[in-house]
Amino acid sequence: MSDEPERLAVALFSEMLTADQLVRSQLSRALPKGMELSHFVVLNYLAQHPEERTPGELARVFHLTRGAMTNTLTKLEWAGHVHIRPDWDDARRKRIAISKAGIAAREAALAAILPIMSEAVREIGADKTRSAIPVLRGMRMKFSESDKSD
């Protein structure tokens, strides 16, 4: 019996984990002063999904603890990038929405990191990049499902 699937798995995960670390590092350095990658990711999500969310919903979307999401949201609120208000139907909950300043901050961050991302796609090639997306999406979905069962 061949150990090809195991070697393939090790090679794939090694590349993904190393790429993740390098991408996070480079994008974090390019972000506007004071913005963290986690801030950008939340602002980007809120800009693309404009309906209000609860901290718990956001924590589930990003597979984070409520405490980690609350920490990020507190920093974003302090910067004026999100509005946090009480939920009028359930006083125990809060509702989160991106502010105009948050939209501007997301746009500034995107302008800073988009050249890095675009250059990578140009160097790798659109066809190779396009063919990698289903594989990466499949990995995300597989681990998203296993995360729910924990």
C-alpha atoms as a PDB file:
ATOM      1  CA  MET A   1       0.000   0.000   0.000  1.00  0.00           C
ATOM      2  CA  SER A   2       1.329   3.407  -0.976  1.00  0.00           C
ATOM      3  CA  ASP A   3       1.785   6.277   1.446  1.00  0.00           C
ATOM      4  CA  GLU A   4       1.039   8.771  -1.377  1.00  0.00           C
ATOM      5  CA  PRO A   5      -2.141  10.190   0.264  1.00  0.00           C
ATOM      6  CA  GLU A   6      -0.219  10.864   3.488  1.00  0.00           C
ATOM      7  CA  ARG A   7       2.663  12.585   1.656  1.00  0.00           C
ATOM      8  CA  LEU A   8       0.181  14.600  -0.365  1.00  0.00           C
ATOM      9  CA  ALA A   9      -1.658  15.651   2.802  1.00  0.00           C
ATOM     10  CA  VAL A  10       1.565  16.694   4.545  1.00  0.00           C
ATOM     11  CA  ALA A  11       2.722  18.658   1.482  1.00  0.00           C
ATOM     12  CA  LEU A  12      -0.653  20.389   1.072  1.00  0.00           C
ATOM     13  CA  PHE A  13      -1.018  21.363   4.726  1.00  0.00           C
ATOM     14  CA  SER A  14       2.592  22.434   4.972  1.00  0.00           C
ATOM     15  CA  GLU A  15       2.116  24.766   2.003  1.00  0.00           C
ATOM     16  CA  MET A  16      -1.220  26.094   3.293  1.00  0.00           C
ATOM     17  CA  LEU A  17       0.077  26.800   6.791  1.00  0.00           C
ATOM     18  CA  THR A  18       3.270  28.422   5.581  1.00  0.00           C
ATOM     19  CA  ALA A  19       1.387  30.492   2.992  1.00  0.00           C
ATOM     20  CA  ASP A  20      -1.120  31.556   5.670  1.00  0.00           C
ATOM     21  CA  GLN A  21       1.658  32.748   7.947  1.00  0.00           C
ATOM     22  CA  LEU A  22       3.456  34.639   5.170  1.00  0.00           C
ATOM     23  CA  VAL A  23       0.274  36.223   3.770  1.00  0.00           C
ATOM     24  CA  ARG A  24      -0.889  37.346   7.221  1.00  0.00           C
ATOM     25  CA  SER A  25       2.505  38.866   7.937  1.00  0.00           C
ATOM     26  CA  GLN A  26       2.739  40.765   4.660  1.00  0.00           C
ATOM     27  CA  LEU A  27      -0.857  42.009   4.685  1.00  0.00           C
ATOM     28  CA  SER A  28      -0.611  43.043   8.352  1.00  0.00           C
ATOM     29  CA  ARG A  29       2.451  45.187   7.592  1.00  0.00           C
ATOM     30  CA  ALA A  30       0.652  46.886   4.705  1.00  0.00           C
ATOM     31  CA  LEU A  31      -2.512  47.773   6.618  1.00  0.00           C
ATOM     32  CA  PRO A  32      -3.005  51.378   7.729  1.00  0.00           C
ATOM     33  CA  LYS A  33      -1.438  52.281  11.074  1.00  0.00           C
ATOM     34  CA  GLY A  34      -3.454  50.942  13.981  1.00  0.00           C
ATOM     35  CA  MET A  35      -5.482  48.451  11.945  1.00  0.00           C
ATOM     36  CA  GLU A  36      -5.001  44.775  12.598  1.00  0.00           C
ATOM     37  CA  LEU A  37      -5.828  42.032  10.111  1.00  0.00           C
ATOM     38  CA  SER A  38      -8.658  40.854  12.381  1.00  0.00           C
ATOM     39  CA  HIS A  39     -10.150  44.364  12.247  1.00  0.00           C
ATOM     40  CA  PHE A  40     -10.034  44.414   8.458  1.00  0.00           C
ATOM     41  CA  VAL A  41     -11.625  40.963   8.191  1.00  0.00           C
ATOM     42  CA  VAL A  42     -14.557  41.977  10.412  1.00  0.00           C
ATOM     43  CA  LEU A  43     -15.007  45.333   8.650  1.00  0.00           C
ATOM     44  CA  ASN A  44     -14.859  43.606   5.268  1.00  0.00           C
ATOM     45  CA  TYR A  45     -17.535  41.132   6.342  1.00  0.00           C
ATOM     46  CA  LEU A  46     -19.778  43.866   7.757  1.00  0.00           C
ATOM     47  CA  ALA A  47     -19.368  45.947   4.581  1.00  0.00           C
ATOM     48  CA  GLN A  48     -20.424  42.972   2.457  1.00  0.00           C
ATOM     49  CA  HIS A  49     -23.270  41.948   4.805  1.00  0.00           C
ATOM     50  CA  PRO A  50     -24.785  45.268   5.917  1.00  0.00           C
ATOM     51  CA  GLU A  51     -27.536  43.891   8.160  1.00  0.00           C
ATOM     52  CA  GLU A  52     -26.827  44.185  11.878  1.00  0.00           C
ATOM     53  CA  ARG A  53     -25.270  41.177  13.610  1.00  0.00           C
ATOM     54  CA  THR A  54     -24.831  40.116  17.204  1.00  0.00           C
ATOM     55  CA  PRO A  55     -21.352  39.511  18.630  1.00  0.00           C
ATOM     56  CA  GLY A  56     -22.275  35.835  18.929  1.00  0.00           C
ATOM     57  CA  GLU A  57     -23.231  35.622  15.254  1.00  0.00           C
ATOM     58  CA  LEU A  58     -19.942  37.238  14.259  1.00  0.00           C
ATOM     59  CA  ALA A  59     -18.001  34.905  16.552  1.00  0.00           C
ATOM     60  CA  ARG A  60     -19.637  31.910  14.838  1.00  0.00           C
ATOM     61  CA  VAL A  61     -18.935  33.299  11.339  1.00  0.00           C
ATOM     62  CA  PHE A  62     -15.228  33.641  12.166  1.00  0.00           C
ATOM     63  CA  HIS A  63     -14.975  30.527  14.363  1.00  0.00           C
ATOM     64  CA  LEU A  64     -13.818  32.591  17.344  1.00  0.00           C
ATOM     65  CA  THR A  65     -14.781  32.662  20.972  1.00  0.00           C
ATOM     66  CA  ARG A  66     -17.239  35.350  22.008  1.00  0.00           C
ATOM     67  CA  GLY A  67     -14.477  36.867  24.120  1.00  0.00           C
ATOM     68  CA  ALA A  68     -12.121  37.178  21.153  1.00  0.00           C
ATOM     69  CA  MET A  69     -14.853  38.744  19.021  1.00  0.00           C
ATOM     70  CA  THR A  70     -15.843  41.117  21.834  1.00  0.00           C
ATOM     71  CA  ASN A  71     -12.212  42.231  22.099  1.00  0.00           C
ATOM     72  CA  THR A  72     -12.052  42.968  18.358  1.00  0.00           C
ATOM     73  CA  LEU A  73     -15.427  44.736  18.383  1.00  0.00           C
ATOM     74  CA  THR A  74     -14.396  46.864  21.378  1.00  0.00           C
ATOM     75  CA  LYS A  75     -11.322  48.059  19.471  1.00  0.00           C
ATOM     76  CA  LEU A  76     -13.381  48.737  16.356  1.00  0.00           C
ATOM     77  CA  GLU A  77     -15.963  50.677  18.377  1.00  0.00           C
ATOM     78  CA  TRP A  78     -13.231  52.705  20.078  1.00  0.00           C
ATOM     79  CA  ALA A  79     -11.868  53.602  16.618  1.00  0.00           C
ATOM     80  CA  GLY A  80     -15.372  54.610  15.496  1.00  0.00           C
ATOM     81  CA  HIS A  81     -15.540  51.849  12.871  1.00  0.00           C
ATOM     82  CA  VAL A  82     -18.623  50.070  14.206  1.00  0.00           C
ATOM     83  CA  HIS A  83     -21.781  51.040  16.041  1.00  0.00           C
ATOM     84  CA  ILE A  84     -22.763  48.808  18.952  1.00  0.00           C
ATOM     85  CA  ARG A  85     -26.279  49.257  20.262  1.00  0.00           C
ATOM     86  CA  PRO A  86     -28.605  47.330  22.552  1.00  0.00           C
ATOM     87  CA  ASP A  87     -30.955  44.846  20.919  1.00  0.00           C
ATOM     88  CA  TRP A  88     -34.396  46.363  21.463  1.00  0.00           C
ATOM     89  CA  ASP A  89     -36.019  42.904  21.509  1.00  0.00           C
ATOM     90  CA  ASP A  90     -33.557  41.256  23.906  1.00  0.00           C
ATOM     91  CA  ALA A  91     -31.724  43.485  26.384  1.00  0.00           C
ATOM     92  CA  ARG A  92     -29.072  40.797  26.928  1.00  0.00           C
ATOM     93  CA  ARG A  93     -27.863  41.153  23.336  1.00  0.00           C
ATOM     94  CA  LYS A  94     -26.108  43.832  21.344  1.00  0.00           C
ATOM     95  CA  ARG A  95     -26.339  44.631  17.650  1.00  0.00           C
ATOM     96  CA  ILE A  96     -23.328  45.535  15.522  1.00  0.00           C
ATOM     97  CA  ALA A  97     -23.256  47.609  12.327  1.00  0.00           C
ATOM     98  CA  ILE A  98     -20.404  49.122  10.362  1.00  0.00           C
ATOM     99  CA  SER A  99     -20.163  52.919  10.545  1.00  0.00           C
ATOM    100  CA  LYS A 100     -19.327  55.358   7.748  1.00  0.00           C
ATOM    101  CA  ALA A 101     -15.860  55.648   9.292  1.00  0.00           C
ATOM    102  CA  GLY A 102     -15.636  51.848   9.253  1.00  0.00           C
ATOM    103  CA  ILE A 103     -16.494  51.737   5.571  1.00  0.00           C
ATOM    104  CA  ALA A 104     -13.804  54.357   4.898  1.00  0.00           C
ATOM    105  CA  ALA A 105     -11.284  52.408   7.020  1.00  0.00           C
ATOM    106  CA  ARG A 106     -12.107  49.199   5.142  1.00  0.00           C
ATOM    107  CA  GLU A 107     -11.648  50.989   1.815  1.00  0.00           C
ATOM    108  CA  ALA A 108      -8.282  52.411   2.938  1.00  0.00           C
ATOM    109  CA  ALA A 109      -7.157  48.974   4.105  1.00  0.00           C
ATOM    110  CA  LEU A 110      -8.300  47.361   0.884  1.00  0.00           C
ATOM    111  CA  ALA A 111      -6.411  49.994  -1.128  1.00  0.00           C
ATOM    112  CA  ALA A 112      -3.273  49.148   0.871  1.00  0.00           C
ATOM    113  CA  ILE A 113      -3.468  45.365   0.504  1.00  0.00           C
ATOM    114  CA  LEU A 114      -5.091  44.928  -2.904  1.00  0.00           C
ATOM    115  CA  PRO A 115      -1.833  45.603  -4.796  1.00  0.00           C
ATOM    116  CA  ILE A 116      -0.146  42.801  -2.831  1.00  0.00           C
ATOM    117  CA  MET A 117      -2.963  40.366  -3.541  1.00  0.00           C
ATOM    118  CA  SER A 118      -3.250  41.387  -7.199  1.00  0.00           C
ATOM    119  CA  GLU A 119       0.485  41.038  -7.770  1.00  0.00           C
ATOM    120  CA  ALA A 120       0.422  37.524  -6.304  1.00  0.00           C
ATOM    121  CA  VAL A 121      -2.428  36.519  -8.615  1.00  0.00           C
ATOM    122  CA  ARG A 122      -0.623  38.027 -11.626  1.00  0.00           C
ATOM    123  CA  GLU A 123       2.599  36.168 -10.789  1.00  0.00           C
ATOM    124  CA  ILE A 124       0.872  32.850 -10.141  1.00  0.00           C
ATOM    125  CA  GLY A 125      -1.526  33.298 -13.037  1.00  0.00           C
ATOM    126  CA  ALA A 126      -5.273  33.722 -13.162  1.00  0.00           C
ATOM    127  CA  ASP A 127      -5.935  30.159 -14.336  1.00  0.00           C
ATOM    128  CA  LYS A 128      -3.861  28.545 -11.569  1.00  0.00           C
ATOM    129  CA  THR A 129      -5.401  30.866  -8.997  1.00  0.00           C
ATOM    130  CA  ARG A 130      -8.915  30.130 -10.241  1.00  0.00           C
ATOM    131  CA  SER A 131      -8.243  26.373 -10.072  1.00  0.00           C
ATOM    132  CA  ALA A 132      -6.965  26.645  -6.491  1.00  0.00           C
ATOM    133  CA  ILE A 133     -10.115  28.338  -5.185  1.00  0.00           C
ATOM    134  CA  PRO A 134     -12.346  25.209  -5.203  1.00  0.00           C
ATOM    135  CA  VAL A 135      -9.647  23.238  -3.361  1.00  0.00           C
ATOM    136  CA  LEU A 136      -9.244  25.921  -0.705  1.00  0.00           C
ATOM    137  CA  ARG A 137     -13.028  26.358  -0.429  1.00  0.00           C
ATOM    138  CA  GLY A 138     -13.393  22.616  -0.001  1.00  0.00           C
ATOM    139  CA  MET A 139     -10.809  22.640   2.796  1.00  0.00           C
ATOM    140  CA  ARG A 140     -12.613  25.535   4.488  1.00  0.00           C
ATOM    141  CA  MET A 141     -15.951  23.747   4.229  1.00  0.00           C
ATOM    142  CA  LYS A 142     -14.514  20.461   5.515  1.00  0.00           C
ATOM    143  CA  PHE A 143     -12.974  22.101   8.562  1.00  0.00           C
ATOM    144  CA  SER A 144     -15.959  24.355   9.101  1.00  0.00           C
ATOM    145  CA  GLU A 145     -18.128  21.230   9.360  1.00  0.00           C
ATOM    146  CA  SER A 146     -15.740  19.475  11.731  1.00  0.00           C
ATOM    147  CA  ASP A 147     -15.521  22.632  13.868  1.00  0.00           C
ATOM    148  CA  LYS A 148     -19.303  22.546  14.335  1.00  0.00           C
ATOM    149  CA  SER A 149     -19.173  18.985  15.674  1.00  0.00           C
ATOM    150  CA  ASP A 150     -16.674  19.881  18.435  1.00  0.00           C
END
